[in-house]
Amino acid sequence: MHRIIYDELCHGIVKADSRRVYQRVIEDLKARSAQAVILGCTEITLLIGADDSALPVFDTTALHARAAVDWAIGASTGASIDT
């Protein structure tokens, strides 16, 4: 997985074979009772999306961006950031 991220995705290379590797890992996690997958590396979303996964996916980049916009426009969920 590390090789796929750094040798392919970081260089803009997206391969179907690599997608299948990630899909097999997700299938294995599902078989072991995982309930979702966290896409915690920004490059993984180049390879895996909701339609590619047997489990719900959480894209941390999108979640952080959405939270930043909510905070910026004052739609915070009650959390505060001290400056």
PDB file of N, CA and C in Angstrom:
ATOM      1  N   MET A   1       0.830  -1.181   0.000  1.00  0.00           N
ATOM      2  CA  MET A   1       0.000   0.000   0.000  1.00  0.00           C
ATOM      3  C   MET A   1       0.878   1.249   0.000  1.00  0.00           C
ATOM      4  N   HIS A   2       1.931   1.218   0.792  1.00  0.00           N
ATOM      5  CA  HIS A   2       2.867   2.337   0.842  1.00  0.00           C
ATOM      6  C   HIS A   2       3.465   2.588  -0.543  1.00  0.00           C
ATOM      7  N   ARG A   3       3.881   1.521  -1.229  1.00  0.00           N
ATOM      8  CA  ARG A   3       4.468   1.651  -2.557  1.00  0.00           C
ATOM      9  C   ARG A   3       3.481   2.273  -3.528  1.00  0.00           C
ATOM     10  N   ILE A   4       2.239   1.852  -3.465  1.00  0.00           N
ATOM     11  CA  ILE A   4       1.218   2.393  -4.370  1.00  0.00           C
ATOM     12  C   ILE A   4       1.051   3.893  -4.133  1.00  0.00           C
ATOM     13  N   ILE A   5       1.014   4.298  -2.886  1.00  0.00           N
ATOM     14  CA  ILE A   5       0.844   5.723  -2.575  1.00  0.00           C
ATOM     15  C   ILE A   5       2.039   6.532  -3.074  1.00  0.00           C
ATOM     16  N   TYR A   6       3.255   6.117  -2.687  1.00  0.00           N
ATOM     17  CA  TYR A   6       4.430   6.944  -2.962  1.00  0.00           C
ATOM     18  C   TYR A   6       5.022   6.766  -4.350  1.00  0.00           C
ATOM     19  N   ASP A   7       4.931   5.564  -4.908  1.00  0.00           N
ATOM     20  CA  ASP A   7       5.519   5.341  -6.232  1.00  0.00           C
ATOM     21  C   ASP A   7       4.543   5.586  -7.378  1.00  0.00           C
ATOM     22  N   GLU A   8       3.254   5.577  -7.077  1.00  0.00           N
ATOM     23  CA  GLU A   8       2.251   5.777  -8.124  1.00  0.00           C
ATOM     24  C   GLU A   8       1.419   7.035  -7.880  1.00  0.00           C
ATOM     25  N   LEU A   9       0.600   7.012  -6.853  1.00  0.00           N
ATOM     26  CA  LEU A   9      -0.372   8.090  -6.644  1.00  0.00           C
ATOM     27  C   LEU A   9       0.287   9.458  -6.465  1.00  0.00           C
ATOM     28  N   CYS A  10       1.380   9.523  -5.739  1.00  0.00           N
ATOM     29  CA  CYS A  10       2.077  10.810  -5.559  1.00  0.00           C
ATOM     30  C   CYS A  10       2.634  11.350  -6.870  1.00  0.00           C
ATOM     31  N   HIS A  11       2.739  10.487  -7.861  1.00  0.00           N
ATOM     32  CA  HIS A  11       3.231  10.887  -9.183  1.00  0.00           C
ATOM     33  C   HIS A  11       2.103  10.971 -10.205  1.00  0.00           C
ATOM     34  N   GLY A  12       0.854  10.913  -9.709  1.00  0.00           N
ATOM     35  CA  GLY A  12      -0.298  11.022 -10.593  1.00  0.00           C
ATOM     36  C   GLY A  12      -0.591   9.766 -11.397  1.00  0.00           C
ATOM     37  N   ILE A  13      -0.014   8.649 -10.999  1.00  0.00           N
ATOM     38  CA  ILE A  13      -0.237   7.386 -11.705  1.00  0.00           C
ATOM     39  C   ILE A  13      -1.340   6.614 -10.990  1.00  0.00           C
ATOM     40  N   VAL A  14      -2.419   6.342 -11.704  1.00  0.00           N
ATOM     41  CA  VAL A  14      -3.551   5.622 -11.144  1.00  0.00           C
ATOM     42  C   VAL A  14      -3.748   4.356 -11.978  1.00  0.00           C
ATOM     43  N   LYS A  15      -3.521   3.203 -11.352  1.00  0.00           N
ATOM     44  CA  LYS A  15      -3.595   1.928 -12.059  1.00  0.00           C
ATOM     45  C   LYS A  15      -4.769   1.091 -11.559  1.00  0.00           C
ATOM     46  N   ALA A  16      -5.441   0.444 -12.502  1.00  0.00           N
ATOM     47  CA  ALA A  16      -6.557  -0.443 -12.154  1.00  0.00           C
ATOM     48  C   ALA A  16      -6.075  -1.574 -11.243  1.00  0.00           C
ATOM     49  N   ASP A  17      -4.884  -2.096 -11.493  1.00  0.00           N
ATOM     50  CA  ASP A  17      -4.346  -3.171 -10.644  1.00  0.00           C
ATOM     51  C   ASP A  17      -4.174  -2.700  -9.203  1.00  0.00           C
ATOM     52  N   SER A  18      -3.742  -1.479  -9.027  1.00  0.00           N
ATOM     53  CA  SER A  18      -3.567  -0.931  -7.678  1.00  0.00           C
ATOM     54  C   SER A  18      -4.920  -0.728  -7.003  1.00  0.00           C
ATOM     55  N   ARG A  19      -5.911  -0.299  -7.764  1.00  0.00           N
ATOM     56  CA  ARG A  19      -7.263  -0.153  -7.216  1.00  0.00           C
ATOM     57  C   ARG A  19      -7.745  -1.511  -6.708  1.00  0.00           C
ATOM     58  N   ARG A  20      -7.492  -2.557  -7.490  1.00  0.00           N
ATOM     59  CA  ARG A  20      -7.909  -3.902  -7.077  1.00  0.00           C
ATOM     60  C   ARG A  20      -7.192  -4.345  -5.798  1.00  0.00           C
ATOM     61  N   VAL A  21      -5.940  -3.957  -5.622  1.00  0.00           N
ATOM     62  CA  VAL A  21      -5.221  -4.275  -4.381  1.00  0.00           C
ATOM     63  C   VAL A  21      -5.951  -3.648  -3.197  1.00  0.00           C
ATOM     64  N   TYR A  22      -6.271  -2.384  -3.310  1.00  0.00           N
ATOM     65  CA  TYR A  22      -6.985  -1.700  -2.231  1.00  0.00           C
ATOM     66  C   TYR A  22      -8.369  -2.308  -2.007  1.00  0.00           C
ATOM     67  N   GLN A  23      -9.050  -2.664  -3.089  1.00  0.00           N
ATOM     68  CA  GLN A  23     -10.368  -3.277  -2.950  1.00  0.00           C
ATOM     69  C   GLN A  23     -10.276  -4.619  -2.225  1.00  0.00           C
ATOM     70  N   ARG A  24      -9.231  -5.396  -2.496  1.00  0.00           N
ATOM     71  CA  ARG A  24      -9.057  -6.673  -1.788  1.00  0.00           C
ATOM     72  C   ARG A  24      -8.810  -6.436  -0.305  1.00  0.00           C
ATOM     73  N   VAL A  25      -8.030  -5.424   0.016  1.00  0.00           N
ATOM     74  CA  VAL A  25      -7.779  -5.099   1.424  1.00  0.00           C
ATOM     75  C   VAL A  25      -9.090  -4.695   2.103  1.00  0.00           C
ATOM     76  N   ILE A  26      -9.883  -3.876   1.425  1.00  0.00           N
ATOM     77  CA  ILE A  26     -11.174  -3.449   1.989  1.00  0.00           C
ATOM     78  C   ILE A  26     -12.092  -4.645   2.168  1.00  0.00           C
ATOM     79  N   GLU A  27     -12.133  -5.547   1.201  1.00  0.00           N
ATOM     80  CA  GLU A  27     -12.944  -6.767   1.326  1.00  0.00           C
ATOM     81  C   GLU A  27     -12.489  -7.592   2.529  1.00  0.00           C
ATOM     82  N   ASP A  28     -11.172  -7.696   2.726  1.00  0.00           N
ATOM     83  CA  ASP A  28     -10.646  -8.431   3.869  1.00  0.00           C
ATOM     84  C   ASP A  28     -11.051  -7.766   5.175  1.00  0.00           C
ATOM     85  N   LEU A  29     -10.981  -6.451   5.213  1.00  0.00           N
ATOM     86  CA  LEU A  29     -11.404  -5.726   6.418  1.00  0.00           C
ATOM     87  C   LEU A  29     -12.890  -5.954   6.693  1.00  0.00           C
ATOM     88  N   LYS A  30     -13.691  -5.952   5.639  1.00  0.00           N
ATOM     89  CA  LYS A  30     -15.129  -6.201   5.798  1.00  0.00           C
ATOM     90  C   LYS A  30     -15.369  -7.595   6.353  1.00  0.00           C
ATOM     91  N   ALA A  31     -14.630  -8.576   5.840  1.00  0.00           N
ATOM     92  CA  ALA A  31     -14.768  -9.954   6.319  1.00  0.00           C
ATOM     93  C   ALA A  31     -14.369 -10.077   7.787  1.00  0.00           C
ATOM     94  N   ARG A  32     -13.532  -9.140   8.247  1.00  0.00           N
ATOM     95  CA  ARG A  32     -13.095  -9.147   9.643  1.00  0.00           C
ATOM     96  C   ARG A  32     -13.941  -8.199  10.492  1.00  0.00           C
ATOM     97  N   SER A  33     -15.115  -7.821   9.977  1.00  0.00           N
ATOM     98  CA  SER A  33     -16.128  -7.033  10.697  1.00  0.00           C
ATOM     99  C   SER A  33     -15.890  -5.531  10.717  1.00  0.00           C
ATOM    100  N   ALA A  34     -15.016  -5.031   9.866  1.00  0.00           N
ATOM    101  CA  ALA A  34     -14.886  -3.570   9.777  1.00  0.00           C
ATOM    102  C   ALA A  34     -16.209  -3.001   9.279  1.00  0.00           C
ATOM    103  N   GLN A  35     -16.533  -1.818   9.741  1.00  0.00           N
ATOM    104  CA  GLN A  35     -17.798  -1.201   9.356  1.00  0.00           C
ATOM    105  C   GLN A  35     -17.619  -0.056   8.371  1.00  0.00           C
ATOM    106  N   ALA A  36     -16.398   0.436   8.224  1.00  0.00           N
ATOM    107  CA  ALA A  36     -16.123   1.547   7.308  1.00  0.00           C
ATOM    108  C   ALA A  36     -14.621   1.630   7.091  1.00  0.00           C
ATOM    109  N   VAL A  37     -14.245   2.469   6.121  1.00  0.00           N
ATOM    110  CA  VAL A  37     -12.834   2.686   5.805  1.00  0.00           C
ATOM    111  C   VAL A  37     -12.555   4.178   5.868  1.00  0.00           C
ATOM    112  N   ILE A  38     -11.485   4.540   6.559  1.00  0.00           N
ATOM    113  CA  ILE A  38     -11.051   5.928   6.609  1.00  0.00           C
ATOM    114  C   ILE A  38      -9.957   6.119   5.574  1.00  0.00           C
ATOM    115  N   LEU A  39     -10.194   7.013   4.631  1.00  0.00           N
ATOM    116  CA  LEU A  39      -9.190   7.342   3.625  1.00  0.00           C
ATOM    117  C   LEU A  39      -8.352   8.470   4.201  1.00  0.00           C
ATOM    118  N   GLY A  40      -7.368   8.095   5.009  1.00  0.00           N
ATOM    119  CA  GLY A  40      -6.610   9.063   5.784  1.00  0.00           C
ATOM    120  C   GLY A  40      -5.412   9.659   5.067  1.00  0.00           C
ATOM    121  N   CYS A  41      -5.185   9.289   3.845  1.00  0.00           N
ATOM    122  CA  CYS A  41      -4.098   9.836   3.048  1.00  0.00           C
ATOM    123  C   CYS A  41      -4.736  10.495   1.826  1.00  0.00           C
ATOM    124  N   THR A  42      -4.396  11.734   1.566  1.00  0.00           N
ATOM    125  CA  THR A  42      -5.074  12.473   0.496  1.00  0.00           C
ATOM    126  C   THR A  42      -5.001  11.785  -0.856  1.00  0.00           C
ATOM    127  N   GLU A  43      -3.920  11.080  -1.124  1.00  0.00           N
ATOM    128  CA  GLU A  43      -3.766  10.453  -2.443  1.00  0.00           C
ATOM    129  C   GLU A  43      -4.679   9.242  -2.650  1.00  0.00           C
ATOM    130  N   ILE A  44      -5.096   8.583  -1.587  1.00  0.00           N
ATOM    131  CA  ILE A  44      -5.914   7.375  -1.733  1.00  0.00           C
ATOM    132  C   ILE A  44      -7.226   7.672  -2.447  1.00  0.00           C
ATOM    133  N   THR A  45      -7.737   8.879  -2.294  1.00  0.00           N
ATOM    134  CA  THR A  45      -9.002   9.213  -2.956  1.00  0.00           C
ATOM    135  C   THR A  45      -8.865   9.270  -4.475  1.00  0.00           C
ATOM    136  N   LEU A  46      -7.638   9.311  -4.977  1.00  0.00           N
ATOM    137  CA  LEU A  46      -7.432   9.207  -6.423  1.00  0.00           C
ATOM    138  C   LEU A  46      -7.761   7.795  -6.905  1.00  0.00           C
ATOM    139  N   LEU A  47      -7.700   6.845  -5.998  1.00  0.00           N
ATOM    140  CA  LEU A  47      -7.832   5.435  -6.326  1.00  0.00           C
ATOM    141  C   LEU A  47      -9.159   4.837  -5.873  1.00  0.00           C
ATOM    142  N   ILE A  48      -9.619   5.238  -4.690  1.00  0.00           N
ATOM    143  CA  ILE A  48     -10.800   4.630  -4.073  1.00  0.00           C
ATOM    144  C   ILE A  48     -11.829   5.703  -3.741  1.00  0.00           C
ATOM    145  N   GLY A  49     -13.044   5.445  -4.162  1.00  0.00           N
ATOM    146  CA  GLY A  49     -14.176   6.291  -3.805  1.00  0.00           C
ATOM    147  C   GLY A  49     -15.296   5.398  -3.297  1.00  0.00           C
ATOM    148  N   ALA A  50     -16.418   5.980  -2.992  1.00  0.00           N
ATOM    149  CA  ALA A  50     -17.549   5.217  -2.463  1.00  0.00           C
ATOM    150  C   ALA A  50     -17.963   4.083  -3.404  1.00  0.00           C
ATOM    151  N   ASP A  51     -17.924   4.321  -4.694  1.00  0.00           N
ATOM    152  CA  ASP A  51     -18.331   3.299  -5.663  1.00  0.00           C
ATOM    153  C   ASP A  51     -17.323   2.165  -5.799  1.00  0.00           C
ATOM    154  N   ASP A  52     -16.117   2.360  -5.294  1.00  0.00           N
ATOM    155  CA  ASP A  52     -15.055   1.357  -5.403  1.00  0.00           C
ATOM    156  C   ASP A  52     -14.934   0.488  -4.163  1.00  0.00           C
ATOM    157  N   SER A  53     -15.705   0.792  -3.141  1.00  0.00           N
ATOM    158  CA  SER A  53     -15.512   0.159  -1.845  1.00  0.00           C
ATOM    159  C   SER A  53     -16.724  -0.657  -1.411  1.00  0.00           C
ATOM    160  N   ALA A  54     -16.440  -1.801  -0.803  1.00  0.00           N
ATOM    161  CA  ALA A  54     -17.492  -2.646  -0.237  1.00  0.00           C
ATOM    162  C   ALA A  54     -17.982  -2.104   1.106  1.00  0.00           C
ATOM    163  N   LEU A  55     -17.296  -1.104   1.615  1.00  0.00           N
ATOM    164  CA  LEU A  55     -17.648  -0.472   2.887  1.00  0.00           C
ATOM    165  C   LEU A  55     -17.816   1.030   2.677  1.00  0.00           C
ATOM    166  N   PRO A  56     -18.555   1.690   3.561  1.00  0.00           N
ATOM    167  CA  PRO A  56     -18.609   3.153   3.488  1.00  0.00           C
ATOM    168  C   PRO A  56     -17.199   3.723   3.656  1.00  0.00           C
ATOM    169  N   VAL A  57     -16.908   4.791   2.939  1.00  0.00           N
ATOM    170  CA  VAL A  57     -15.588   5.428   3.045  1.00  0.00           C
ATOM    171  C   VAL A  57     -15.738   6.825   3.622  1.00  0.00           C
ATOM    172  N   PHE A  58     -14.749   7.213   4.399  1.00  0.00           N
ATOM    173  CA  PHE A  58     -14.689   8.551   4.967  1.00  0.00           C
ATOM    174  C   PHE A  58     -13.414   9.201   4.455  1.00  0.00           C
ATOM    175  N   ASP A  59     -13.573  10.203   3.627  1.00  0.00           N
ATOM    176  CA  ASP A  59     -12.461  10.928   3.031  1.00  0.00           C
ATOM    177  C   ASP A  59     -12.076  12.055   3.981  1.00  0.00           C
ATOM    178  N   THR A  60     -10.955  11.913   4.663  1.00  0.00           N
ATOM    179  CA  THR A  60     -10.580  12.902   5.671  1.00  0.00           C
ATOM    180  C   THR A  60     -10.302  14.272   5.073  1.00  0.00           C
ATOM    181  N   THR A  61      -9.828  14.316   3.839  1.00  0.00           N
ATOM    182  CA  THR A  61      -9.593  15.617   3.197  1.00  0.00           C
ATOM    183  C   THR A  61     -10.909  16.357   3.026  1.00  0.00           C
ATOM    184  N   ALA A  62     -11.916  15.676   2.498  1.00  0.00           N
ATOM    185  CA  ALA A  62     -13.234  16.295   2.301  1.00  0.00           C
ATOM    186  C   ALA A  62     -13.865  16.670   3.640  1.00  0.00           C
ATOM    187  N   LEU A  63     -13.728  15.802   4.642  1.00  0.00           N
ATOM    188  CA  LEU A  63     -14.301  16.092   5.953  1.00  0.00           C
ATOM    189  C   LEU A  63     -13.647  17.320   6.587  1.00  0.00           C
ATOM    190  N   HIS A  64     -12.329  17.408   6.483  1.00  0.00           N
ATOM    191  CA  HIS A  64     -11.628  18.575   7.035  1.00  0.00           C
ATOM    192  C   HIS A  64     -11.991  19.856   6.267  1.00  0.00           C
ATOM    193  N   ALA A  65     -12.072  19.751   4.961  1.00  0.00           N
ATOM    194  CA  ALA A  65     -12.428  20.927   4.154  1.00  0.00           C
ATOM    195  C   ALA A  65     -13.833  21.409   4.503  1.00  0.00           C
ATOM    196  N   ARG A  66     -14.773  20.475   4.626  1.00  0.00           N
ATOM    197  CA  ARG A  66     -16.143  20.837   4.984  1.00  0.00           C
ATOM    198  C   ARG A  66     -16.193  21.493   6.365  1.00  0.00           C
ATOM    199  N   ALA A  67     -15.452  20.928   7.315  1.00  0.00           N
ATOM    200  CA  ALA A  67     -15.424  21.498   8.665  1.00  0.00           C
ATOM    201  C   ALA A  67     -14.809  22.893   8.656  1.00  0.00           C
ATOM    202  N   ALA A  68     -13.789  23.102   7.841  1.00  0.00           N
ATOM    203  CA  ALA A  68     -13.158  24.423   7.753  1.00  0.00           C
ATOM    204  C   ALA A  68     -14.126  25.452   7.173  1.00  0.00           C
ATOM    205  N   VAL A  69     -14.863  25.063   6.157  1.00  0.00           N
ATOM    206  CA  VAL A  69     -15.854  25.976   5.568  1.00  0.00           C
ATOM    207  C   VAL A  69     -16.945  26.279   6.582  1.00  0.00           C
ATOM    208  N   ASP A  70     -17.446  25.245   7.263  1.00  0.00           N
ATOM    209  CA  ASP A  70     -18.469  25.464   8.286  1.00  0.00           C
ATOM    210  C   ASP A  70     -17.966  26.422   9.361  1.00  0.00           C
ATOM    211  N   TRP A  71     -16.730  26.213   9.798  1.00  0.00           N
ATOM    212  CA  TRP A  71     -16.170  27.088  10.825  1.00  0.00           C
ATOM    213  C   TRP A  71     -16.040  28.512  10.290  1.00  0.00           C
ATOM    214  N   ALA A  72     -15.574  28.647   9.054  1.00  0.00           N
ATOM    215  CA  ALA A  72     -15.351  29.962   8.469  1.00  0.00           C
ATOM    216  C   ALA A  72     -16.643  30.753   8.298  1.00  0.00           C
ATOM    217  N   ILE A  73     -17.733  30.067   8.016  1.00  0.00           N
ATOM    218  CA  ILE A  73     -19.001  30.778   7.832  1.00  0.00           C
ATOM    219  C   ILE A  73     -19.844  30.793   9.106  1.00  0.00           C
ATOM    220  N   GLY A  74     -19.279  30.266  10.190  1.00  0.00           N
ATOM    221  CA  GLY A  74     -19.967  30.332  11.468  1.00  0.00           C
ATOM    222  C   GLY A  74     -20.970  29.238  11.717  1.00  0.00           C
ATOM    223  N   ALA A  75     -20.899  28.166  10.974  1.00  0.00           N
ATOM    224  CA  ALA A  75     -21.835  27.059  11.152  1.00  0.00           C
ATOM    225  C   ALA A  75     -21.198  25.952  11.975  1.00  0.00           C
ATOM    226  N   SER A  76     -20.358  26.332  12.905  1.00  0.00           N
ATOM    227  CA  SER A  76     -19.639  25.371  13.740  1.00  0.00           C
ATOM    228  C   SER A  76     -20.606  24.524  14.548  1.00  0.00           C
ATOM    229  N   THR A  77     -20.176  23.330  14.864  1.00  0.00           N
ATOM    230  CA  THR A  77     -21.017  22.427  15.667  1.00  0.00           C
ATOM    231  C   THR A  77     -20.814  22.644  17.144  1.00  0.00           C
ATOM    232  N   GLY A  78     -20.266  23.770  17.500  1.00  0.00           N
ATOM    233  CA  GLY A  78     -20.065  24.076  18.904  1.00  0.00           C
ATOM    234  C   GLY A  78     -18.611  23.990  19.323  1.00  0.00           C
ATOM    235  N   ALA A  79     -17.790  23.392  18.497  1.00  0.00           N
ATOM    236  CA  ALA A  79     -16.359  23.330  18.803  1.00  0.00           C
ATOM    237  C   ALA A  79     -15.763  24.720  18.544  1.00  0.00           C
ATOM    238  N   SER A  80     -14.783  25.062  19.338  1.00  0.00           N
ATOM    239  CA  SER A  80     -14.147  26.362  19.129  1.00  0.00           C
ATOM    240  C   SER A  80     -12.655  26.183  18.927  1.00  0.00           C
ATOM    241  N   ILE A  81     -12.088  27.106  18.206  1.00  0.00           N
ATOM    242  CA  ILE A  81     -10.653  27.121  17.993  1.00  0.00           C
ATOM    243  C   ILE A  81     -10.125  28.395  18.634  1.00  0.00           C
ATOM    244  N   ASP A  82      -9.282  28.243  19.637  1.00  0.00           N
ATOM    245  CA  ASP A  82      -8.697  29.404  20.301  1.00  0.00           C
ATOM    246  C   ASP A  82      -7.519  29.890  19.487  1.00  0.00           C
ATOM    247  N   THR A  83      -7.445  31.212  19.300  1.00  0.00           N
ATOM    248  CA  THR A  83      -6.311  31.768  18.565  1.00  0.00           C
ATOM    249  C   THR A  83      -5.437  32.585  19.480  1.00  0.00           C
TER     250      THR A  83
END
